[in-house]
Amino acid sequence: MALTADRNTPRREGVCFSDPLAAAALIFAGAMYALDATGNAVKATAGGTAVRAVAQRRADQAGGDARVDGERGIYCFENGAAGAAISRANIGAVAYVVDDQTVGKTGTAVAGVIVDFDDRGVWVDVGAYSITVEAGA
């Protein structure tokens, strides 16, 4: 039904998430994580799904944690090994998950869009690409 009066509509910035943990999940602070087929958080893997966010604190279901707090944004990750290594020439391309702290230029699980490359590692806009993938674009 259409509004007939003002409404205080709840709002989010779209960068913070609190996701339920999958059974036996352990996600370290600073790790990329994804959602499994049931919508529960699991650590990001090369054969998994697109990265949802980066964990802001350690979450261990065995330790009693039920959820992981994550954020989307630009983060610096380790560079993949020789064949999948990213360089400045890859800025603007998609980065793929190698493991929960490493990205490469090839793979199947999307980490995000490469926005920079320097001596610290590969800067990836986590969530930028997965948002369009989730929307079916």
N, C-alpha and C. Protein backbone atom coordinates (compact mmCIF):
# COMPACT_ATOMS: atom_id res chain seq x y z
N MET A 1 0.85 -1.18 0.00
CA MET A 1 0.00 0.00 0.00
C MET A 1 0.89 1.24 0.00
N ALA A 2 0.56 2.22 -0.78
CA ALA A 2 1.34 3.45 -0.89
C ALA A 2 1.22 4.28 0.38
N LEU A 3 2.26 5.08 0.65
CA LEU A 3 2.26 5.95 1.82
C LEU A 3 1.16 6.99 1.76
N THR A 4 0.62 7.29 2.91
CA THR A 4 -0.33 8.39 3.03
C THR A 4 0.16 9.40 4.05
N ALA A 5 1.37 9.17 4.58
CA ALA A 5 2.00 10.07 5.55
C ALA A 5 3.51 9.87 5.47
N ASP A 6 4.23 10.75 6.16
CA ASP A 6 5.69 10.62 6.20
C ASP A 6 6.08 9.30 6.84
N ARG A 7 7.26 8.81 6.46
CA ARG A 7 7.76 7.54 6.99
C ARG A 7 9.23 7.70 7.35
N ASN A 8 9.62 7.27 8.51
CA ASN A 8 11.02 7.24 8.91
C ASN A 8 11.60 5.93 8.39
N THR A 9 12.19 5.95 7.20
CA THR A 9 12.68 4.75 6.54
C THR A 9 14.08 4.39 7.05
N PRO A 10 14.28 3.18 7.60
CA PRO A 10 15.61 2.77 8.05
C PRO A 10 16.61 2.80 6.89
N ARG A 11 17.86 3.12 7.21
CA ARG A 11 18.88 3.27 6.17
C ARG A 11 20.19 2.64 6.61
N ARG A 12 20.94 2.11 5.64
CA ARG A 12 22.30 1.60 5.84
C ARG A 12 23.19 2.20 4.77
N GLU A 13 24.48 2.24 5.06
CA GLU A 13 25.43 2.69 4.06
C GLU A 13 25.70 1.60 3.02
N GLY A 14 25.36 0.37 3.32
CA GLY A 14 25.59 -0.72 2.37
C GLY A 14 26.99 -1.28 2.43
N VAL A 15 27.71 -0.99 3.51
CA VAL A 15 29.07 -1.51 3.63
C VAL A 15 29.25 -2.41 4.84
N CYS A 16 28.36 -2.34 5.81
CA CYS A 16 28.48 -3.15 7.03
C CYS A 16 27.46 -4.27 7.02
N PHE A 17 27.91 -5.44 7.42
CA PHE A 17 27.05 -6.62 7.43
C PHE A 17 27.30 -7.42 8.71
N SER A 18 26.31 -8.13 9.14
CA SER A 18 26.43 -9.09 10.23
C SER A 18 25.77 -10.36 9.73
N ASP A 19 26.59 -11.36 9.41
CA ASP A 19 26.09 -12.58 8.78
C ASP A 19 26.21 -13.76 9.72
N PRO A 20 25.24 -14.68 9.69
CA PRO A 20 25.34 -15.88 10.51
C PRO A 20 26.49 -16.76 10.02
N LEU A 21 27.17 -17.40 10.95
CA LEU A 21 28.27 -18.29 10.60
C LEU A 21 27.76 -19.67 10.21
N ALA A 22 28.42 -20.28 9.25
CA ALA A 22 28.12 -21.66 8.88
C ALA A 22 28.61 -22.58 10.00
N ALA A 23 28.10 -23.78 10.04
CA ALA A 23 28.52 -24.74 11.05
C ALA A 23 30.03 -24.93 10.99
N ALA A 24 30.67 -24.91 12.14
CA ALA A 24 32.12 -25.12 12.30
C ALA A 24 32.97 -24.06 11.61
N ALA A 25 32.38 -22.92 11.26
CA ALA A 25 33.14 -21.86 10.57
C ALA A 25 34.09 -21.15 11.53
N LEU A 26 35.26 -20.81 11.02
CA LEU A 26 36.25 -19.99 11.71
C LEU A 26 36.75 -18.98 10.69
N ILE A 27 36.46 -17.71 10.94
CA ILE A 27 36.86 -16.64 10.03
C ILE A 27 37.71 -15.66 10.82
N PHE A 28 38.94 -15.45 10.39
CA PHE A 28 39.86 -14.56 11.09
C PHE A 28 39.58 -13.10 10.75
N ALA A 29 39.90 -12.21 11.69
CA ALA A 29 39.80 -10.78 11.43
C ALA A 29 40.69 -10.44 10.24
N GLY A 30 40.18 -9.66 9.32
CA GLY A 30 40.93 -9.26 8.13
C GLY A 30 40.80 -10.22 6.97
N ALA A 31 40.09 -11.33 7.17
CA ALA A 31 39.91 -12.33 6.10
C ALA A 31 38.72 -11.99 5.23
N MET A 32 38.82 -12.33 3.95
CA MET A 32 37.67 -12.24 3.06
C MET A 32 36.74 -13.40 3.41
N TYR A 33 35.44 -13.14 3.35
CA TYR A 33 34.49 -14.24 3.52
C TYR A 33 33.38 -14.14 2.49
N ALA A 34 32.74 -15.28 2.27
CA ALA A 34 31.66 -15.41 1.30
C ALA A 34 30.46 -16.02 2.00
N LEU A 35 29.38 -16.17 1.27
CA LEU A 35 28.19 -16.84 1.80
C LEU A 35 28.01 -18.17 1.09
N ASP A 36 27.65 -19.20 1.88
CA ASP A 36 27.40 -20.50 1.27
C ASP A 36 25.99 -20.52 0.67
N ALA A 37 25.58 -21.66 0.17
CA ALA A 37 24.30 -21.77 -0.53
C ALA A 37 23.11 -21.47 0.37
N THR A 38 23.29 -21.55 1.69
CA THR A 38 22.19 -21.26 2.60
C THR A 38 22.27 -19.85 3.18
N GLY A 39 23.27 -19.07 2.75
CA GLY A 39 23.39 -17.69 3.20
C GLY A 39 24.22 -17.52 4.45
N ASN A 40 24.94 -18.56 4.85
CA ASN A 40 25.80 -18.47 6.03
C ASN A 40 27.24 -18.15 5.64
N ALA A 41 27.94 -17.45 6.51
CA ALA A 41 29.31 -17.01 6.24
C ALA A 41 30.31 -18.15 6.35
N VAL A 42 31.19 -18.21 5.35
CA VAL A 42 32.31 -19.16 5.31
C VAL A 42 33.54 -18.40 4.83
N LYS A 43 34.72 -18.91 5.17
CA LYS A 43 35.92 -18.21 4.68
C LYS A 43 35.98 -18.31 3.17
N ALA A 44 36.50 -17.27 2.54
CA ALA A 44 36.59 -17.24 1.08
C ALA A 44 37.60 -18.28 0.60
N THR A 45 37.23 -18.98 -0.46
CA THR A 45 38.12 -19.97 -1.07
C THR A 45 38.09 -19.80 -2.58
N ALA A 46 39.13 -20.30 -3.23
CA ALA A 46 39.25 -20.18 -4.69
C ALA A 46 38.06 -20.80 -5.41
N GLY A 47 37.49 -21.86 -4.88
CA GLY A 47 36.37 -22.53 -5.53
C GLY A 47 35.02 -22.11 -5.01
N GLY A 48 34.97 -21.08 -4.16
CA GLY A 48 33.73 -20.66 -3.54
C GLY A 48 32.97 -19.63 -4.34
N THR A 49 32.15 -18.88 -3.65
CA THR A 49 31.34 -17.85 -4.28
C THR A 49 32.00 -16.48 -4.10
N ALA A 50 31.42 -15.46 -4.71
CA ALA A 50 31.97 -14.10 -4.64
C ALA A 50 32.10 -13.64 -3.19
N VAL A 51 33.12 -12.85 -2.93
CA VAL A 51 33.37 -12.34 -1.58
C VAL A 51 32.23 -11.42 -1.16
N ARG A 52 31.75 -11.63 0.03
CA ARG A 52 30.69 -10.80 0.61
C ARG A 52 31.28 -9.57 1.29
N ALA A 53 32.35 -9.79 2.10
CA ALA A 53 32.92 -8.71 2.89
C ALA A 53 34.24 -9.16 3.50
N VAL A 54 34.84 -8.26 4.28
CA VAL A 54 36.07 -8.57 5.03
C VAL A 54 35.69 -8.57 6.51
N ALA A 55 36.05 -9.63 7.21
CA ALA A 55 35.71 -9.76 8.63
C ALA A 55 36.42 -8.68 9.45
N GLN A 56 35.68 -8.04 10.33
CA GLN A 56 36.23 -6.98 11.16
C GLN A 56 36.75 -7.49 12.50
N ARG A 57 36.36 -8.69 12.85
CA ARG A 57 36.89 -9.35 14.04
C ARG A 57 36.82 -10.85 13.81
N ARG A 58 37.58 -11.59 14.59
CA ARG A 58 37.58 -13.04 14.47
C ARG A 58 36.22 -13.58 14.89
N ALA A 59 35.72 -14.56 14.13
CA ALA A 59 34.45 -15.20 14.45
C ALA A 59 34.64 -16.71 14.37
N ASP A 60 34.35 -17.39 15.46
CA ASP A 60 34.56 -18.84 15.56
C ASP A 60 33.30 -19.46 16.13
N GLN A 61 32.59 -20.19 15.29
CA GLN A 61 31.35 -20.78 15.76
C GLN A 61 31.60 -21.76 16.90
N ALA A 62 32.72 -22.49 16.84
CA ALA A 62 33.05 -23.42 17.91
C ALA A 62 33.31 -22.67 19.22
N GLY A 63 33.70 -21.42 19.13
CA GLY A 63 33.95 -20.60 20.32
C GLY A 63 32.71 -19.89 20.81
N GLY A 64 31.58 -20.15 20.19
CA GLY A 64 30.33 -19.56 20.65
C GLY A 64 29.84 -18.38 19.83
N ASP A 65 30.60 -17.97 18.81
CA ASP A 65 30.15 -16.86 17.97
C ASP A 65 29.07 -17.36 17.01
N ALA A 66 28.02 -16.59 16.87
CA ALA A 66 26.95 -16.97 15.97
C ALA A 66 27.01 -16.19 14.66
N ARG A 67 27.71 -15.03 14.68
CA ARG A 67 27.73 -14.15 13.52
C ARG A 67 29.14 -13.62 13.29
N VAL A 68 29.36 -13.13 12.07
CA VAL A 68 30.60 -12.44 11.73
C VAL A 68 30.22 -11.04 11.26
N ASP A 69 30.97 -10.05 11.74
CA ASP A 69 30.76 -8.67 11.31
C ASP A 69 31.73 -8.38 10.18
N GLY A 70 31.19 -7.94 9.05
CA GLY A 70 32.02 -7.67 7.88
C GLY A 70 31.75 -6.31 7.29
N GLU A 71 32.71 -5.85 6.49
CA GLU A 71 32.55 -4.58 5.79
C GLU A 71 33.05 -4.71 4.37
N ARG A 72 32.39 -4.01 3.48
CA ARG A 72 32.87 -3.85 2.11
C ARG A 72 33.67 -2.57 2.06
N GLY A 73 34.59 -2.49 1.12
CA GLY A 73 35.42 -1.31 0.98
C GLY A 73 36.69 -1.67 0.24
N ILE A 74 37.68 -0.80 0.28
CA ILE A 74 38.95 -1.05 -0.40
C ILE A 74 39.96 -1.57 0.61
N TYR A 75 40.46 -2.79 0.36
CA TYR A 75 41.39 -3.46 1.25
C TYR A 75 42.62 -3.93 0.48
N CYS A 76 43.73 -4.06 1.20
CA CYS A 76 44.98 -4.53 0.61
C CYS A 76 45.17 -6.01 0.94
N PHE A 77 45.39 -6.83 -0.10
CA PHE A 77 45.58 -8.27 0.08
C PHE A 77 46.91 -8.71 -0.51
N GLU A 78 47.31 -9.91 -0.15
CA GLU A 78 48.52 -10.53 -0.70
C GLU A 78 48.30 -10.81 -2.18
N ASN A 79 49.40 -10.78 -2.93
CA ASN A 79 49.36 -11.05 -4.37
C ASN A 79 49.54 -12.54 -4.62
N GLY A 80 48.83 -13.06 -5.61
CA GLY A 80 48.93 -14.47 -5.98
C GLY A 80 50.31 -14.84 -6.50
N ALA A 81 50.54 -16.12 -6.65
CA ALA A 81 51.83 -16.65 -7.12
C ALA A 81 52.03 -16.35 -8.61
N ALA A 82 53.20 -16.67 -9.08
CA ALA A 82 53.68 -16.34 -10.43
C ALA A 82 52.62 -16.34 -11.53
N GLY A 83 51.96 -17.42 -11.80
CA GLY A 83 51.03 -17.48 -12.92
C GLY A 83 49.79 -16.62 -12.75
N ALA A 84 49.41 -16.34 -11.51
CA ALA A 84 48.21 -15.55 -11.25
C ALA A 84 48.51 -14.19 -10.65
N ALA A 85 49.79 -13.82 -10.61
CA ALA A 85 50.19 -12.56 -9.96
C ALA A 85 49.58 -11.34 -10.67
N ILE A 86 49.19 -10.38 -9.86
CA ILE A 86 48.60 -9.14 -10.35
C ILE A 86 49.68 -8.08 -10.43
N SER A 87 49.57 -7.20 -11.43
CA SER A 87 50.50 -6.07 -11.58
C SER A 87 49.69 -4.79 -11.78
N ARG A 88 50.36 -3.66 -11.91
CA ARG A 88 49.67 -2.39 -12.16
C ARG A 88 48.86 -2.45 -13.45
N ALA A 89 49.27 -3.27 -14.38
CA ALA A 89 48.54 -3.39 -15.65
C ALA A 89 47.14 -3.96 -15.44
N ASN A 90 46.88 -4.56 -14.29
CA ASN A 90 45.58 -5.18 -14.01
C ASN A 90 44.61 -4.25 -13.28
N ILE A 91 45.03 -3.01 -13.00
CA ILE A 91 44.14 -2.08 -12.32
C ILE A 91 42.87 -1.91 -13.16
N GLY A 92 41.73 -2.04 -12.50
CA GLY A 92 40.43 -1.95 -13.17
C GLY A 92 39.85 -3.31 -13.51
N ALA A 93 40.67 -4.36 -13.44
CA ALA A 93 40.20 -5.72 -13.74
C ALA A 93 39.65 -6.37 -12.46
N VAL A 94 39.08 -7.53 -12.62
CA VAL A 94 38.54 -8.29 -11.49
C VAL A 94 39.67 -9.06 -10.82
N ALA A 95 39.68 -9.05 -9.49
CA ALA A 95 40.59 -9.88 -8.70
C ALA A 95 39.81 -11.11 -8.24
N TYR A 96 40.48 -12.25 -8.24
CA TYR A 96 39.86 -13.50 -7.82
C TYR A 96 40.49 -14.02 -6.54
N VAL A 97 39.71 -14.76 -5.77
CA VAL A 97 40.18 -15.33 -4.51
C VAL A 97 41.16 -16.46 -4.77
N VAL A 98 42.31 -16.39 -4.11
CA VAL A 98 43.26 -17.51 -4.06
C VAL A 98 43.03 -18.23 -2.73
N ASP A 99 43.00 -17.45 -1.65
CA ASP A 99 42.60 -17.93 -0.32
C ASP A 99 42.03 -16.73 0.42
N ASP A 100 41.77 -16.84 1.71
CA ASP A 100 41.06 -15.77 2.41
C ASP A 100 41.86 -14.49 2.63
N GLN A 101 43.13 -14.47 2.20
CA GLN A 101 43.93 -13.25 2.29
C GLN A 101 44.72 -12.94 1.02
N THR A 102 44.52 -13.73 -0.03
CA THR A 102 45.31 -13.61 -1.25
C THR A 102 44.40 -13.52 -2.47
N VAL A 103 44.77 -12.66 -3.42
CA VAL A 103 44.03 -12.53 -4.67
C VAL A 103 44.94 -12.76 -5.86
N GLY A 104 44.34 -13.15 -6.97
CA GLY A 104 45.07 -13.37 -8.22
C GLY A 104 44.25 -12.87 -9.39
N LYS A 105 44.87 -12.90 -10.57
CA LYS A 105 44.17 -12.37 -11.75
C LYS A 105 43.32 -13.41 -12.48
N THR A 106 43.35 -14.65 -12.03
CA THR A 106 42.50 -15.68 -12.63
C THR A 106 41.81 -16.47 -11.53
N GLY A 107 40.69 -17.07 -11.86
CA GLY A 107 39.97 -17.89 -10.90
C GLY A 107 38.48 -17.88 -11.17
N THR A 108 37.72 -18.32 -10.19
CA THR A 108 36.27 -18.36 -10.33
C THR A 108 35.54 -17.56 -9.25
N ALA A 109 36.10 -17.49 -8.04
CA ALA A 109 35.46 -16.74 -6.95
C ALA A 109 35.95 -15.29 -6.98
N VAL A 110 35.05 -14.38 -7.25
CA VAL A 110 35.41 -12.96 -7.39
C VAL A 110 35.66 -12.33 -6.02
N ALA A 111 36.80 -11.64 -5.89
CA ALA A 111 37.10 -10.89 -4.67
C ALA A 111 36.62 -9.45 -4.79
N GLY A 112 36.76 -8.87 -5.98
CA GLY A 112 36.36 -7.49 -6.21
C GLY A 112 37.12 -6.90 -7.38
N VAL A 113 37.15 -5.58 -7.45
CA VAL A 113 37.81 -4.87 -8.55
C VAL A 113 39.16 -4.35 -8.05
N ILE A 114 40.21 -4.55 -8.86
CA ILE A 114 41.55 -4.07 -8.51
C ILE A 114 41.58 -2.56 -8.70
N VAL A 115 41.90 -1.82 -7.63
CA VAL A 115 41.94 -0.36 -7.72
C VAL A 115 43.35 0.19 -7.61
N ASP A 116 44.31 -0.61 -7.12
CA ASP A 116 45.69 -0.15 -7.04
C ASP A 116 46.60 -1.35 -6.78
N PHE A 117 47.88 -1.10 -6.99
CA PHE A 117 48.91 -2.11 -6.77
C PHE A 117 50.15 -1.37 -6.29
N ASP A 118 50.71 -1.78 -5.15
CA ASP A 118 51.94 -1.15 -4.66
C ASP A 118 52.77 -2.17 -3.90
N ASP A 119 53.80 -1.68 -3.20
CA ASP A 119 54.71 -2.61 -2.51
C ASP A 119 54.05 -3.31 -1.32
N ARG A 120 52.88 -2.85 -0.89
CA ARG A 120 52.16 -3.52 0.20
C ARG A 120 51.30 -4.66 -0.31
N GLY A 121 50.88 -4.60 -1.57
CA GLY A 121 50.04 -5.65 -2.11
C GLY A 121 49.05 -5.14 -3.14
N VAL A 122 47.94 -5.85 -3.26
CA VAL A 122 46.90 -5.53 -4.24
C VAL A 122 45.71 -4.91 -3.50
N TRP A 123 45.34 -3.71 -3.92
CA TRP A 123 44.20 -3.01 -3.32
C TRP A 123 42.95 -3.36 -4.12
N VAL A 124 41.98 -3.93 -3.40
CA VAL A 124 40.77 -4.45 -4.04
C VAL A 124 39.53 -3.80 -3.44
N ASP A 125 38.63 -3.36 -4.31
CA ASP A 125 37.34 -2.84 -3.86
C ASP A 125 36.43 -4.05 -3.65
N VAL A 126 36.40 -4.53 -2.43
CA VAL A 126 35.63 -5.72 -2.08
C VAL A 126 34.15 -5.37 -2.10
N GLY A 127 33.42 -6.15 -2.83
CA GLY A 127 31.98 -5.95 -2.92
C GLY A 127 31.55 -5.19 -4.15
N ALA A 128 32.43 -4.41 -4.74
CA ALA A 128 32.05 -3.62 -5.93
C ALA A 128 31.57 -4.51 -7.06
N TYR A 129 32.28 -5.57 -7.34
CA TYR A 129 31.90 -6.46 -8.44
C TYR A 129 30.80 -7.43 -8.01
N SER A 130 30.88 -7.92 -6.77
CA SER A 130 29.88 -8.91 -6.34
C SER A 130 28.50 -8.31 -6.23
N ILE A 131 28.41 -7.00 -6.01
CA ILE A 131 27.09 -6.35 -5.97
C ILE A 131 26.42 -6.48 -7.33
N THR A 132 27.16 -6.23 -8.41
CA THR A 132 26.57 -6.33 -9.75
C THR A 132 26.29 -7.78 -10.10
N VAL A 133 27.13 -8.70 -9.66
CA VAL A 133 26.90 -10.12 -9.94
C VAL A 133 25.63 -10.58 -9.23
N GLU A 134 25.46 -10.19 -7.96
CA GLU A 134 24.29 -10.58 -7.20
C GLU A 134 23.01 -10.01 -7.81
N ALA A 135 23.12 -8.82 -8.39
CA ALA A 135 21.96 -8.18 -9.00
C ALA A 135 21.63 -8.74 -10.38
N GLY A 136 22.52 -9.60 -10.90
CA GLY A 136 22.28 -10.21 -12.18
C GLY A 136 22.72 -9.36 -13.35
N ALA A 137 23.55 -8.35 -13.09
CA ALA A 137 24.02 -7.46 -14.18
C ALA A 137 25.15 -8.08 -14.95
